[in-house]
N, C-alpha and C. Protein backbone atom coordinates (compact mmCIF):
# COMPACT_ATOMS: atom_id res chain seq x y z
N MET A 1 -45.34 21.12 24.42
CA MET A 1 -44.32 20.87 23.50
C MET A 1 -44.35 20.03 22.65
N SER A 2 -44.71 18.64 22.92
CA SER A 2 -44.45 17.68 22.21
C SER A 2 -46.01 18.03 20.54
N ALA A 3 -47.03 18.61 20.94
CA ALA A 3 -47.59 19.09 19.99
C ALA A 3 -46.75 19.86 18.90
N ALA A 4 -45.96 21.07 19.45
CA ALA A 4 -45.22 21.85 18.77
C ALA A 4 -44.32 21.16 17.48
N ARG A 5 -43.46 19.84 18.67
CA ARG A 5 -42.64 18.99 17.93
C ARG A 5 -43.43 18.51 16.70
N SER A 6 -44.68 17.80 17.22
CA SER A 6 -45.60 16.91 16.08
C SER A 6 -45.65 17.78 14.75
N VAL A 7 -46.02 19.10 14.90
CA VAL A 7 -45.94 19.85 13.72
C VAL A 7 -45.04 20.06 13.08
N LEU A 8 -43.94 20.14 13.79
CA LEU A 8 -42.41 20.57 13.06
C LEU A 8 -42.07 19.50 12.65
N SER A 9 -42.19 18.24 13.22
CA SER A 9 -41.98 17.12 12.28
C SER A 9 -42.65 16.72 11.04
N ARG A 10 -43.87 17.22 10.90
CA ARG A 10 -44.90 17.01 10.22
C ARG A 10 -44.52 17.82 8.77
N VAL A 11 -44.48 19.42 9.13
CA VAL A 11 -43.49 20.18 8.48
C VAL A 11 -42.37 20.04 7.71
N ARG A 12 -41.41 19.30 8.59
CA ARG A 12 -40.33 18.91 7.62
C ARG A 12 -40.50 17.53 6.82
N ALA A 13 -41.31 16.59 7.21
CA ALA A 13 -41.72 15.95 6.26
C ALA A 13 -42.12 16.01 4.87
N TYR A 14 -43.15 17.06 5.01
CA TYR A 14 -43.61 17.50 3.88
C TYR A 14 -42.70 18.51 3.19
N LEU A 15 -41.91 19.41 3.39
CA LEU A 15 -40.70 19.83 2.85
C LEU A 15 -39.81 18.73 1.94
N ARG A 16 -39.46 17.52 2.92
CA ARG A 16 -38.69 16.61 2.16
C ARG A 16 -39.31 16.10 0.77
N TYR A 17 -40.68 15.54 1.27
CA TYR A 17 -41.71 15.14 -0.05
C TYR A 17 -41.69 15.97 -0.86
N ARG A 18 -41.93 17.19 -0.73
CA ARG A 18 -41.97 18.50 -2.04
C ARG A 18 -40.70 18.56 -2.50
N ASP A 19 -39.24 18.40 -1.82
CA ASP A 19 -38.32 18.49 -2.37
C ASP A 19 -37.92 16.99 -3.61
N THR A 20 -38.12 15.88 -2.90
CA THR A 20 -38.23 14.53 -3.68
C THR A 20 -38.95 14.87 -4.68
N VAL A 21 -40.19 15.10 -4.81
CA VAL A 21 -41.03 15.33 -5.99
C VAL A 21 -40.61 16.45 -6.94
N SER A 22 -40.00 17.33 -6.47
CA SER A 22 -39.53 18.48 -7.50
C SER A 22 -38.15 17.76 -8.30
N GLN A 23 -37.32 17.27 -7.45
CA GLN A 23 -36.39 16.45 -8.20
C GLN A 23 -36.20 15.70 -9.13
N LEU A 24 -37.41 14.60 -8.36
CA LEU A 24 -37.49 13.76 -9.56
C LEU A 24 -38.39 14.10 -10.52
N SER A 25 -38.79 14.98 -10.72
CA SER A 25 -39.83 15.56 -11.94
C SER A 25 -39.06 16.56 -12.80
N ARG A 26 -37.78 16.91 -12.41
CA ARG A 26 -36.75 17.22 -13.34
C ARG A 26 -36.15 16.57 -14.13
N LEU A 27 -36.10 15.20 -13.88
CA LEU A 27 -35.30 14.07 -14.47
C LEU A 27 -36.04 13.72 -15.81
N SER A 28 -35.53 13.33 -16.93
CA SER A 28 -36.08 13.15 -17.85
C SER A 28 -36.62 11.67 -18.32
N ASP A 29 -37.59 11.69 -18.77
CA ASP A 29 -38.35 10.23 -18.87
C ASP A 29 -37.56 9.13 -19.10
N ARG A 30 -36.76 9.59 -20.12
CA ARG A 30 -35.31 8.36 -20.27
C ARG A 30 -34.76 7.77 -18.73
N ASP A 31 -34.16 8.92 -18.11
CA ASP A 31 -33.34 8.74 -17.06
C ASP A 31 -34.72 8.13 -15.91
N LEU A 32 -35.83 8.50 -15.72
CA LEU A 32 -36.65 7.80 -15.03
C LEU A 32 -37.08 6.40 -15.21
N ALA A 33 -36.85 6.21 -16.59
CA ALA A 33 -37.22 4.35 -17.18
C ALA A 33 -35.94 3.66 -16.57
N ASP A 34 -34.57 4.76 -16.76
CA ASP A 34 -33.77 4.02 -16.14
C ASP A 34 -33.70 3.33 -14.87
N LEU A 35 -34.29 4.19 -13.85
CA LEU A 35 -34.31 3.65 -12.49
C LEU A 35 -35.69 3.04 -12.37
N GLY A 36 -36.47 2.57 -13.20
CA GLY A 36 -37.89 2.14 -13.24
C GLY A 36 -38.85 2.77 -12.74
N ILE A 37 -39.20 4.00 -12.78
CA ILE A 37 -39.61 5.10 -12.06
C ILE A 37 -40.50 5.43 -13.61
N SER A 38 -41.95 5.74 -13.29
CA SER A 38 -42.93 6.47 -14.26
C SER A 38 -43.44 7.76 -13.54
N ARG A 39 -43.72 8.62 -14.43
CA ARG A 39 -44.13 9.74 -13.58
C ARG A 39 -45.07 9.62 -12.97
N SER A 40 -45.83 8.55 -13.28
CA SER A 40 -47.00 8.65 -12.01
C SER A 40 -46.84 8.14 -10.87
N ASP A 41 -45.60 7.41 -10.75
CA ASP A 41 -45.04 6.77 -9.37
C ASP A 41 -44.69 7.85 -8.56
N ILE A 42 -43.55 9.06 -9.11
CA ILE A 42 -42.92 9.88 -8.38
C ILE A 42 -44.13 10.28 -6.89
N PRO A 43 -44.77 10.39 -7.06
CA PRO A 43 -45.67 11.25 -5.61
C PRO A 43 -45.73 9.92 -4.75
N GLY A 44 -45.85 8.57 -5.08
CA GLY A 44 -45.70 7.46 -4.04
C GLY A 44 -44.35 6.81 -3.50
N ILE A 45 -43.51 7.47 -4.39
CA ILE A 45 -41.95 7.05 -4.28
C ILE A 45 -41.40 8.45 -3.29
N ALA A 46 -41.97 9.54 -3.67
CA ALA A 46 -41.50 10.49 -2.69
C ALA A 46 -42.40 10.56 -1.13
N ARG A 47 -43.17 9.55 -0.99
CA ARG A 47 -43.91 9.55 0.41
C ARG A 47 -42.98 8.53 1.07
N HIS A 48 -42.21 7.32 0.60
CA HIS A 48 -41.73 6.38 1.36
C HIS A 48 -40.17 7.12 1.70
């Protein structure tokens, strides 16, 4: 059962990552700059 939990945990983490990338990608360059984020930073930020 712990293998199934591990897989489920990884799937949930990936879905959170994908959602975060999607939301940040929708922001304008100006909004990202106000947050101190560049477009190239989005994947790294979403992982944390």
